[in-house]
Amino acid sequence: GGGGGGGALAALRQHPQFMQMVALVQQNPQLLQPLLAEIGQHQPALLQLINNNQEEFMQLLQQPVSPEAMGGANNPLAAAIAAAGGGGGGGG
């Protein structure tokens, strides 16, 4: 069973660091394997979850990532990724 909360990886959408990784992979697809290897070293359970839900994981990688999902504009990595993606003009 198990109630559907938007899929097995739904919780990861609320996870700023994971969404940063998704955005990074969207910019640089070749980083996917090294990042997954890194996850496997530090969070084997997370890698297992991804491996068990590869289809959903790939769908997640196709989705645009908002800066809010990455921890908001006060997150330097999120800001850098948003800038690299040409996401709007900067402040004054």
C-alpha atoms as a PDB file:
ATOM      1  CA  GLY A   1       0.000   0.000   0.000  1.00  0.00           C
ATOM      2  CA  GLY A   2       1.310   3.354   1.025  1.00  0.00           C
ATOM      3  CA  GLY A   3      -0.553   6.612   0.514  1.00  0.00           C
ATOM      4  CA  GLY A   4       0.467   8.677  -2.495  1.00  0.00           C
ATOM      5  CA  GLY A   5       2.188  11.912  -1.565  1.00  0.00           C
ATOM      6  CA  GLY A   6       3.181  12.628  -5.139  1.00  0.00           C
ATOM      7  CA  GLY A   7       5.447   9.602  -5.457  1.00  0.00           C
ATOM      8  CA  ALA A   8       8.360   8.110  -3.561  1.00  0.00           C
ATOM      9  CA  LEU A   9      10.588  11.095  -4.283  1.00  0.00           C
ATOM     10  CA  ALA A  10       8.023  13.741  -3.308  1.00  0.00           C
ATOM     11  CA  ALA A  11       9.898  14.492  -0.079  1.00  0.00           C
ATOM     12  CA  LEU A  12      13.019  15.323  -2.091  1.00  0.00           C
ATOM     13  CA  ARG A  13      11.177  18.212  -3.745  1.00  0.00           C
ATOM     14  CA  GLN A  14      11.133  19.857  -0.302  1.00  0.00           C
ATOM     15  CA  HIS A  15      14.852  19.220   0.117  1.00  0.00           C
ATOM     16  CA  PRO A  16      16.859  22.352  -0.846  1.00  0.00           C
ATOM     17  CA  GLN A  17      20.185  20.531  -1.278  1.00  0.00           C
ATOM     18  CA  PHE A  18      18.616  17.898  -3.493  1.00  0.00           C
ATOM     19  CA  MET A  19      16.908  20.534  -5.639  1.00  0.00           C
ATOM     20  CA  GLN A  20      20.252  22.324  -5.967  1.00  0.00           C
ATOM     21  CA  MET A  21      21.667  19.083  -7.318  1.00  0.00           C
ATOM     22  CA  VAL A  22      18.770  18.764  -9.771  1.00  0.00           C
ATOM     23  CA  ALA A  23      19.349  22.309 -11.028  1.00  0.00           C
ATOM     24  CA  LEU A  24      23.079  21.640 -11.307  1.00  0.00           C
ATOM     25  CA  VAL A  25      22.484  18.481 -13.351  1.00  0.00           C
ATOM     26  CA  GLN A  26      20.088  20.377 -15.622  1.00  0.00           C
ATOM     27  CA  GLN A  27      22.894  22.831 -16.386  1.00  0.00           C
ATOM     28  CA  ASN A  28      25.578  20.116 -16.599  1.00  0.00           C
ATOM     29  CA  PRO A  29      24.116  16.664 -17.339  1.00  0.00           C
ATOM     30  CA  GLN A  30      27.564  15.070 -17.163  1.00  0.00           C
ATOM     31  CA  LEU A  31      27.598  15.805 -13.407  1.00  0.00           C
ATOM     32  CA  LEU A  32      24.795  13.320 -12.719  1.00  0.00           C
ATOM     33  CA  GLN A  33      26.992  10.234 -12.256  1.00  0.00           C
ATOM     34  CA  PRO A  34      29.591  11.907  -9.973  1.00  0.00           C
ATOM     35  CA  LEU A  35      26.801  13.435  -7.878  1.00  0.00           C
ATOM     36  CA  LEU A  36      25.046  10.083  -7.546  1.00  0.00           C
ATOM     37  CA  ALA A  37      28.355   8.513  -6.505  1.00  0.00           C
ATOM     38  CA  GLU A  38      28.716  11.249  -3.892  1.00  0.00           C
ATOM     39  CA  ILE A  39      25.196  10.587  -2.609  1.00  0.00           C
ATOM     40  CA  GLY A  40      25.989   6.873  -2.426  1.00  0.00           C
ATOM     41  CA  GLN A  41      28.954   7.596  -0.161  1.00  0.00           C
ATOM     42  CA  HIS A  42      27.171   9.977   2.211  1.00  0.00           C
ATOM     43  CA  GLN A  43      23.524   8.919   1.989  1.00  0.00           C
ATOM     44  CA  PRO A  44      23.267   5.329   0.744  1.00  0.00           C
ATOM     45  CA  ALA A  45      19.571   5.169   1.649  1.00  0.00           C
ATOM     46  CA  LEU A  46      18.872   8.152  -0.607  1.00  0.00           C
ATOM     47  CA  LEU A  47      20.755   6.535  -3.485  1.00  0.00           C
ATOM     48  CA  GLN A  48      18.749   3.362  -2.929  1.00  0.00           C
ATOM     49  CA  LEU A  49      15.546   5.403  -3.098  1.00  0.00           C
ATOM     50  CA  ILE A  50      16.676   7.011  -6.362  1.00  0.00           C
ATOM     51  CA  ASN A  51      17.662   3.644  -7.835  1.00  0.00           C
ATOM     52  CA  ASN A  52      14.290   2.193  -6.878  1.00  0.00           C
ATOM     53  CA  ASN A  53      12.468   5.106  -8.521  1.00  0.00           C
ATOM     54  CA  GLN A  54      14.643   5.953 -11.513  1.00  0.00           C
ATOM     55  CA  GLU A  55      11.693   6.857 -13.708  1.00  0.00           C
ATOM     56  CA  GLU A  56      10.368   9.368 -11.191  1.00  0.00           C
ATOM     57  CA  PHE A  57      13.906  10.630 -10.605  1.00  0.00           C
ATOM     58  CA  MET A  58      14.320  11.287 -14.330  1.00  0.00           C
ATOM     59  CA  GLN A  59      10.986  13.122 -14.390  1.00  0.00           C
ATOM     60  CA  LEU A  60      12.218  15.205 -11.470  1.00  0.00           C
ATOM     61  CA  LEU A  61      15.341  16.101 -13.454  1.00  0.00           C
ATOM     62  CA  GLN A  62      13.158  17.368 -16.336  1.00  0.00           C
ATOM     63  CA  GLN A  63      11.244  19.817 -14.153  1.00  0.00           C
ATOM     64  CA  PRO A  64      12.283  23.443 -13.805  1.00  0.00           C
ATOM     65  CA  VAL A  65      13.641  24.188 -10.335  1.00  0.00           C
ATOM     66  CA  SER A  66      12.546  27.402  -8.657  1.00  0.00           C
ATOM     67  CA  PRO A  67      15.029  29.340  -6.480  1.00  0.00           C
ATOM     68  CA  GLU A  68      12.564  28.861  -3.598  1.00  0.00           C
ATOM     69  CA  ALA A  69      12.941  25.090  -3.931  1.00  0.00           C
ATOM     70  CA  MET A  70      16.686  25.511  -3.486  1.00  0.00           C
ATOM     71  CA  GLY A  71      16.363  27.481  -0.266  1.00  0.00           C
ATOM     72  CA  GLY A  72      15.435  30.897  -1.619  1.00  0.00           C
ATOM     73  CA  ALA A  73      17.470  33.808  -2.941  1.00  0.00           C
ATOM     74  CA  ASN A  74      19.606  33.924   0.225  1.00  0.00           C
ATOM     75  CA  ASN A  75      21.214  30.670  -0.887  1.00  0.00           C
ATOM     76  CA  PRO A  76      24.411  31.523  -2.839  1.00  0.00           C
ATOM     77  CA  LEU A  77      24.316  28.325  -4.884  1.00  0.00           C
ATOM     78  CA  ALA A  78      20.665  28.884  -5.764  1.00  0.00           C
ATOM     79  CA  ALA A  79      21.444  32.457  -6.799  1.00  0.00           C
ATOM     80  CA  ALA A  80      24.385  31.319  -8.927  1.00  0.00           C
ATOM     81  CA  ILE A  81      22.316  28.645 -10.652  1.00  0.00           C
ATOM     82  CA  ALA A  82      19.462  31.075 -11.259  1.00  0.00           C
ATOM     83  CA  ALA A  83      21.948  33.549 -12.740  1.00  0.00           C
ATOM     84  CA  ALA A  84      23.485  30.847 -14.942  1.00  0.00           C
ATOM     85  CA  GLY A  85      20.003  29.991 -16.177  1.00  0.00           C
ATOM     86  CA  GLY A  86      19.379  33.631 -17.050  1.00  0.00           C
ATOM     87  CA  GLY A  87      16.539  33.846 -14.554  1.00  0.00           C
ATOM     88  CA  GLY A  88      15.522  37.508 -14.667  1.00  0.00           C
ATOM     89  CA  GLY A  89      17.510  40.663 -13.968  1.00  0.00           C
ATOM     90  CA  GLY A  90      19.422  41.339 -10.773  1.00  0.00           C
ATOM     91  CA  GLY A  91      18.593  43.871  -8.093  1.00  0.00           C
ATOM     92  CA  GLY A  92      19.815  47.442  -7.984  1.00  0.00           C
END
